Protein backbone atom coordinates (compact mmCIF):
# COMPACT_ATOMS: atom_id res chain seq x y z
CA MET A 1 45.06 17.28 -10.63
CA LYS A 2 42.79 14.77 -12.61
CA LEU A 3 41.10 16.40 -16.13
CA VAL A 4 38.84 15.44 -18.29
CA VAL A 5 39.44 17.21 -21.30
CA THR A 6 36.10 16.83 -23.70
CA GLY A 7 37.20 17.06 -27.66
CA GLY A 8 40.38 15.85 -26.82
CA ALA A 9 41.36 14.30 -30.10
CA GLY A 10 40.50 17.53 -32.05
CA PHE A 11 42.64 20.01 -33.28
CA ILE A 12 42.64 22.65 -29.96
CA GLY A 13 41.67 19.91 -27.67
CA SER A 14 44.19 17.55 -28.45
CA CYS A 15 47.16 20.74 -28.08
CA PHE A 16 45.42 21.02 -24.75
CA VAL A 17 46.25 17.38 -23.93
CA ARG A 18 49.51 17.22 -25.11
CA MET A 19 50.36 20.42 -23.26
CA ALA A 20 48.68 19.35 -19.97
CA LEU A 21 50.91 16.40 -19.96
CA GLY A 22 54.25 17.61 -21.19
CA GLN A 23 53.91 20.65 -19.28
CA ARG A 24 52.71 18.99 -16.15
CA TRP A 25 49.61 21.19 -15.87
CA ALA A 26 47.98 17.73 -14.42
CA GLU A 27 48.76 14.32 -13.49
CA HIS A 28 45.84 12.58 -14.87
CA VAL A 29 43.86 13.63 -18.30
CA ILE A 30 40.83 11.74 -19.43
CA ASN A 31 40.17 12.42 -23.13
CA LEU A 32 36.90 12.11 -23.85
CA ASP A 33 35.96 11.94 -27.60
CA LYS A 34 33.12 11.10 -29.98
CA LEU A 35 35.73 10.59 -32.76
CA THR A 36 33.38 12.63 -35.56
CA TYR A 37 35.06 13.43 -38.67
CA ALA A 38 37.30 16.05 -37.18
CA GLY A 39 38.29 14.03 -34.06
CA ASN A 40 41.56 11.95 -34.64
CA LEU A 41 43.66 9.83 -32.41
CA GLU A 42 47.01 10.50 -34.41
CA ASN A 43 46.58 14.13 -32.90
CA VAL A 44 47.53 12.83 -29.16
CA GLU A 45 49.48 9.67 -30.39
CA SER A 46 52.51 11.63 -28.78
CA VAL A 47 51.01 11.10 -25.29
CA SER A 48 49.14 7.65 -25.75
CA SER A 49 51.90 5.77 -23.94
CA HIS A 50 51.84 7.96 -20.98
CA PRO A 51 50.72 6.73 -17.58
CA GLY A 52 48.50 9.82 -16.95
CA TYR A 53 46.51 9.57 -20.11
CA ARG A 54 43.31 7.65 -20.85
CA PHE A 55 41.03 7.78 -23.98
CA VAL A 56 37.09 7.34 -23.62
CA GLN A 57 35.25 7.01 -26.85
CA ALA A 58 31.92 8.54 -25.77
CA ASP A 59 29.44 11.03 -27.19
CA ILE A 60 28.56 13.97 -24.71
CA CYS A 61 25.12 13.99 -25.45
CA ASP A 62 25.29 10.30 -23.87
CA ALA A 63 24.03 11.33 -20.21
CA GLY A 64 24.71 7.38 -19.25
CA ALA A 65 28.30 7.52 -20.58
CA VAL A 66 29.34 11.00 -19.13
CA GLU A 67 27.63 9.78 -15.96
CA ASP A 68 29.62 6.78 -16.08
CA LEU A 69 32.60 8.35 -16.35
CA LEU A 70 32.35 11.12 -13.93
CA LYS A 71 31.56 8.52 -11.16
CA ARG A 72 34.27 6.24 -12.03
CA GLU A 73 37.26 8.80 -12.74
CA ARG A 74 35.78 11.65 -10.12
CA PRO A 75 37.89 14.34 -12.01
CA ASP A 76 38.92 17.71 -10.24
CA VAL A 77 38.13 19.66 -13.88
CA ILE A 78 36.29 19.65 -16.94
CA VAL A 79 37.78 21.24 -19.88
CA HIS A 80 35.20 21.35 -22.64
CA PHE A 81 36.33 21.90 -25.67
CA ALA A 82 34.00 19.38 -27.61
CA ALA A 83 31.89 21.21 -30.50
CA GLU A 84 30.54 21.08 -33.92
CA SER A 85 32.80 24.19 -35.02
CA HIS A 86 32.68 24.52 -39.00
CA VAL A 87 30.10 27.42 -39.51
CA ASP A 88 29.41 26.21 -43.34
CA ARG A 89 28.33 22.85 -41.99
CA SER A 90 25.96 24.35 -39.43
CA ILE A 91 24.40 26.32 -41.98
CA HIS A 92 23.60 23.44 -44.18
CA SER A 93 22.95 21.12 -41.36
CA PRO A 94 21.80 22.95 -38.02
CA ALA A 95 20.65 19.89 -36.28
CA PRO A 96 24.32 18.56 -35.16
CA VAL A 97 25.23 21.71 -33.91
CA ILE A 98 22.54 22.67 -31.87
CA GLN A 99 22.41 18.81 -30.43
CA THR A 100 26.53 18.77 -29.84
CA ASN A 101 27.00 22.24 -28.67
CA PHE A 102 23.92 23.27 -26.70
CA ASN A 103 22.58 19.56 -25.50
CA GLY A 104 25.64 18.10 -24.91
CA THR A 105 26.98 21.19 -22.65
CA PHE A 106 23.84 20.66 -20.90
CA THR A 107 24.46 17.03 -20.30
CA LEU A 108 28.08 17.66 -19.04
CA LEU A 109 26.83 20.80 -16.57
CA GLU A 110 24.08 18.73 -15.23
CA ALA A 111 26.59 15.59 -14.55
CA ALA A 112 29.21 18.20 -13.23
CA ARG A 113 26.82 19.39 -10.93
CA ARG A 114 25.55 16.10 -9.43
CA HIS A 115 29.31 15.03 -9.14
CA GLN A 116 30.52 18.10 -7.58
CA VAL A 117 33.36 18.63 -9.95
CA GLY A 118 35.44 22.02 -8.38
CA ARG A 119 36.00 23.33 -11.81
CA PHE A 120 34.28 23.56 -15.21
CA VAL A 121 36.01 25.87 -17.94
CA HIS A 122 33.70 25.93 -21.20
CA VAL A 123 35.73 27.17 -24.19
CA SER A 124 33.91 28.98 -26.76
CA THR A 125 34.22 31.76 -29.60
CA ASP A 126 34.27 35.45 -30.20
CA GLU A 127 31.59 34.66 -33.05
CA VAL A 128 29.14 34.78 -30.40
CA TYR A 129 29.79 38.73 -30.69
CA GLY A 130 28.90 38.94 -34.67
CA SER A 131 30.45 41.30 -36.72
CA ILE A 132 31.83 44.25 -35.15
CA GLU A 133 32.38 47.80 -36.87
CA ALA A 134 35.89 49.18 -36.69
CA PRO A 135 37.36 50.73 -34.70
CA HIS A 136 35.57 49.08 -31.86
CA ASP A 137 36.63 45.78 -29.89
CA ALA A 138 34.05 43.48 -28.07
CA ASP A 139 35.06 43.27 -24.44
CA GLU A 140 33.16 40.60 -22.18
CA ASN A 141 30.07 42.62 -21.70
CA TYR A 142 30.08 43.13 -25.23
CA PRO A 143 26.10 42.23 -26.29
CA LEU A 144 25.77 38.70 -28.01
CA HIS A 145 24.84 38.82 -31.79
CA ALA A 146 25.15 35.49 -33.02
CA SER A 147 24.85 35.28 -36.83
CA SER A 148 25.15 31.55 -37.90
CA PRO A 149 23.68 28.24 -36.23
CA TYR A 150 27.04 27.68 -34.88
CA SER A 151 27.65 31.09 -33.18
CA ALA A 152 23.87 30.78 -31.67
CA SER A 153 24.62 27.53 -30.60
CA LYS A 154 27.59 28.46 -28.47
CA ALA A 155 25.87 31.81 -27.23
CA GLY A 156 23.19 29.48 -25.64
CA SER A 157 25.75 27.27 -24.14
CA ASP A 158 27.88 30.27 -22.84
CA LEU A 159 24.54 31.44 -21.33
CA LEU A 160 23.69 27.99 -20.14
CA ALA A 161 27.11 27.48 -18.37
CA LEU A 162 26.86 30.81 -16.58
CA SER A 163 23.84 30.44 -15.34
CA TYR A 164 24.69 27.21 -13.49
CA TYR A 165 27.32 29.08 -11.42
CA THR A 166 24.19 31.56 -10.76
CA THR A 167 21.87 28.98 -10.16
CA TYR A 168 23.66 25.81 -8.51
CA LYS A 169 27.39 27.73 -7.57
CA LEU A 170 29.10 25.62 -10.00
CA ASN A 171 32.84 26.74 -10.34
CA VAL A 172 32.47 27.65 -13.83
CA SER A 173 34.32 30.15 -16.23
CA VAL A 174 33.68 30.71 -20.07
CA THR A 175 36.44 31.59 -22.69
CA ARG A 176 35.91 33.21 -25.85
CA ALA A 177 38.59 32.59 -28.65
CA SER A 178 39.57 34.42 -31.35
CA ASN A 179 40.40 32.00 -34.83
CA ASN A 180 43.00 29.21 -33.87
CA TYR A 181 45.63 28.25 -36.00
CA GLY A 182 48.60 25.73 -35.83
CA PRO A 183 49.63 22.03 -36.45
CA TYR A 184 46.70 19.35 -36.61
CA GLN A 185 43.81 21.57 -37.76
CA PHE A 186 41.49 19.64 -39.74
CA PRO A 187 41.67 21.19 -43.48
CA GLU A 188 38.35 22.67 -43.62
CA LYS A 189 39.12 26.18 -41.80
CA LEU A 190 40.99 28.84 -43.79
CA ILE A 191 44.65 28.60 -42.92
CA PRO A 192 44.95 24.82 -43.24
CA LEU A 193 42.86 24.37 -46.24
CA MET A 194 44.91 27.05 -48.03
CA ILE A 195 48.19 25.88 -46.75
CA SER A 196 47.29 22.17 -48.19
CA ASN A 197 45.74 23.25 -51.38
CA ALA A 198 48.75 25.71 -52.34
CA LEU A 199 51.18 22.78 -51.30
CA GLU A 200 49.09 20.56 -54.07
CA ASP A 201 48.71 23.40 -56.38
CA LYS A 202 44.88 23.24 -55.96
CA PRO A 203 42.70 26.34 -56.30
CA LEU A 204 42.14 28.45 -52.90
CA PRO A 205 38.51 29.51 -53.02
CA VAL A 206 38.26 33.00 -51.17
CA TYR A 207 34.38 34.03 -50.35
CA GLY A 208 33.37 37.27 -51.53
CA ASP A 209 35.96 39.86 -51.82
CA GLY A 210 38.35 38.04 -49.10
CA GLN A 211 38.26 41.42 -47.03
CA GLN A 212 36.64 39.88 -44.05
CA VAL A 213 38.77 40.48 -40.82
CA ARG A 214 39.58 37.78 -38.20
CA ASP A 215 41.83 38.03 -35.39
CA TRP A 216 44.35 34.95 -35.64
CA LEU A 217 45.51 33.38 -32.53
CA TYR A 218 48.56 30.48 -32.17
CA VAL A 219 46.75 27.09 -30.60
CA GLU A 220 49.28 26.88 -27.89
CA ASP A 221 48.75 30.68 -27.07
CA HIS A 222 44.98 29.64 -26.50
CA CYS A 223 45.80 26.52 -24.55
CA ARG A 224 47.80 28.31 -22.33
CA ALA A 225 45.11 31.09 -21.54
CA VAL A 226 42.67 28.14 -20.79
CA PHE A 227 44.87 26.93 -18.17
CA ALA A 228 45.51 30.65 -16.99
CA VAL A 229 41.56 30.52 -16.50
CA LEU A 230 41.18 27.23 -14.69
CA GLU A 231 43.98 28.41 -12.52
CA LYS A 232 43.22 32.00 -12.03
CA GLY A 233 40.36 33.12 -13.47
CA ARG A 234 37.05 33.90 -11.29
CA PRO A 235 33.97 31.54 -11.39
CA GLY A 236 31.00 33.18 -13.17
CA GLU A 237 33.20 35.26 -15.45
CA VAL A 238 34.02 35.63 -19.29
CA TYR A 239 37.54 35.92 -20.46
CA ASN A 240 38.22 36.71 -24.28
CA VAL A 241 41.38 35.37 -25.68
CA GLY A 242 42.90 36.63 -28.78
CA GLY A 243 46.17 37.25 -30.37
CA ASN A 244 46.73 40.52 -30.87
CA CYS A 245 46.63 40.14 -34.77
CA SER A 246 43.69 41.28 -36.91
CA LEU A 247 43.89 40.56 -40.63
CA PRO A 248 41.78 40.27 -43.74
CA ASN A 249 41.47 36.65 -45.12
CA LEU A 250 42.87 37.79 -48.46
CA GLU A 251 45.99 39.07 -46.71
CA VAL A 252 46.30 35.84 -44.92
CA ILE A 253 46.04 34.23 -48.32
CA HIS A 254 48.68 36.33 -49.84
CA ARG A 255 50.92 35.55 -46.97
CA ILE A 256 50.56 31.81 -47.19
CA LEU A 257 51.13 32.28 -51.13
CA LYS A 258 54.48 33.84 -50.96
CA ALA A 259 55.63 31.60 -48.05
CA THR A 260 54.98 28.55 -49.94
CA GLY A 261 56.38 30.22 -53.14
CA LYS A 262 53.08 29.72 -55.04
CA PRO A 263 51.54 31.78 -57.62
CA GLU A 264 48.53 34.51 -56.82
CA SER A 265 46.74 32.67 -59.40
CA LEU A 266 45.95 29.92 -57.76
CA ILE A 267 43.39 32.70 -55.89
CA LYS A 268 39.49 31.72 -56.82
CA PRO A 269 36.70 33.69 -55.38
CA VAL A 270 33.92 31.98 -54.82
CA ALA A 271 30.49 33.33 -53.75
CA ASP A 272 30.15 34.48 -50.25
CA ARG A 273 28.23 32.23 -47.39
CA PRO A 274 24.85 33.55 -46.22
CA GLY A 275 25.38 35.75 -43.15
CA HIS A 276 28.95 35.82 -43.24
CA ASP A 277 30.38 38.26 -40.40
CA ARG A 278 32.36 40.89 -41.64
CA ARG A 279 34.71 41.86 -38.80
CA TYR A 280 35.56 40.09 -35.18
CA ALA A 281 37.49 41.89 -32.78
CA LEU A 282 38.08 41.44 -29.42
CA THR A 283 40.06 42.42 -26.57
CA ASN A 284 42.46 40.62 -23.82
CA GLU A 285 42.51 43.32 -21.23
CA LYS A 286 40.82 41.28 -18.61
CA LEU A 287 42.48 37.91 -19.01
CA THR A 288 45.81 39.73 -19.13
CA ARG A 289 44.98 41.92 -15.98
CA GLU A 290 43.70 39.02 -13.76
CA THR A 291 45.75 36.12 -14.96
CA GLY A 292 48.78 37.68 -16.32
CA TRP A 293 48.68 35.67 -19.74
CA GLN A 294 49.63 37.13 -23.19
CA PRO A 295 49.87 35.77 -26.50
CA LEU A 296 53.50 34.58 -26.97
CA MET A 297 53.75 33.43 -30.98
CA ASP A 298 53.66 36.19 -33.31
CA PHE A 299 51.72 35.47 -36.78
CA ASP A 300 54.55 35.45 -39.23
CA ARG A 301 56.22 32.87 -36.95
CA GLY A 302 53.41 30.86 -36.42
CA LEU A 303 52.43 30.67 -40.14
CA ALA A 304 56.11 29.59 -40.69
CA ALA A 305 55.97 26.88 -38.22
CA THR A 306 52.14 25.92 -39.23
CA ILE A 307 53.02 25.84 -43.15
CA ASP A 308 56.54 23.53 -42.11
CA TRP A 309 54.45 21.37 -40.19
CA TYR A 310 51.88 20.73 -43.04
CA ARG A 311 54.61 20.39 -45.55
CA THR A 312 56.23 17.34 -43.47
CA SER A 313 52.78 16.13 -42.65
CA GLN A 314 51.30 15.46 -45.91
CA ASP A 315 50.33 11.55 -45.02
CA TRP A 316 48.25 12.98 -42.22
CA VAL A 317 46.44 15.52 -44.23
CA ARG A 318 46.07 12.53 -46.85
CA ARG A 319 44.60 10.37 -44.39
CA ILE A 320 42.70 12.81 -42.79
CA LYS A 321 41.09 13.62 -46.21
CA THR A 322 40.51 10.28 -47.12
CA GLY A 323 39.20 9.01 -44.08
CA GLU A 324 42.27 6.76 -43.75
CA TYR A 325 42.78 7.60 -39.86
CA ARG A 326 39.67 5.45 -39.22
CA GLN A 327 41.86 2.56 -40.27
CA PHE A 328 44.66 4.00 -37.66
CA TYR A 329 42.42 3.97 -35.05
CA GLU A 330 41.22 0.55 -35.64
CA LEU A 331 44.99 -0.78 -36.04
CA ASN A 332 46.45 1.10 -33.25
CA TYR A 333 44.12 2.13 -30.50
CA ALA A 334 41.17 -0.35 -30.49
CA ASN A 335 42.94 -2.76 -27.91
CA ARG A 336 43.97 0.25 -25.97
CA VAL A 337 40.57 2.11 -24.72
């Protein structure tokens, strides 16, 4: 099987690339990534010399580049991770989010339709459901209620992807995952930011009262779920992917401080962000019933592994924060791609 993985240098996409080759989910993986601020080829360094791996630097919004790639490679499957995914950035500057998440998805779907790609998995987020009052959990038929430009762009791209199944019979499935965590995550999201700041004895900024509830999903469990949908998911269907671990943000931060041996005095409350959803919650029942997938990593074990990775990867964090990984790319990859 030959896969095109969009956003394969990002946090979740790079994990999928590593697992796809390492666990022989595919013989060939083409990693299509623009290398924006969160894309980092160090994330896939471990597979860069694999004979079945190829990196292509391109923008998913560039119809000509996407067209050329599919015409040349004729992939069996597209797994679409590429997205502008940070909510705060979408609030302060929504245009890139709409351009990449909606228009970029449209470009990929059109090219996949023209080249008759056999399978298309569109990776989305539980944020499309908006804030959900306890004790309810969202299933795949729960109404969409996006609260930010980011979640609205993902909800729109979900519907667009599903329309390509209804209208054109493109073999599309959509996954909606809860909050991911694990190694190689760009240190602007909650868990890597809190870990890296704690390790450096810097303040840990907490929005509002910190009681926003999120479900936490280890990144490798998410990638296994995407592959399960690729193999066994039905076309035209949506599949929720959660970690069965709902916790308030402040509780997550307390656990990070305890695990790193740092004082709670590092916690610094800050003003809440506009439109901040209070609670995300979803059910995996459909995915488990149809594919047999279940999350394997419990939160405490996954958090400990993540903290250990950041503790031993301070050079990676420093390069990410200072932009030095751009130089790494020029020195180590420019002559390979």
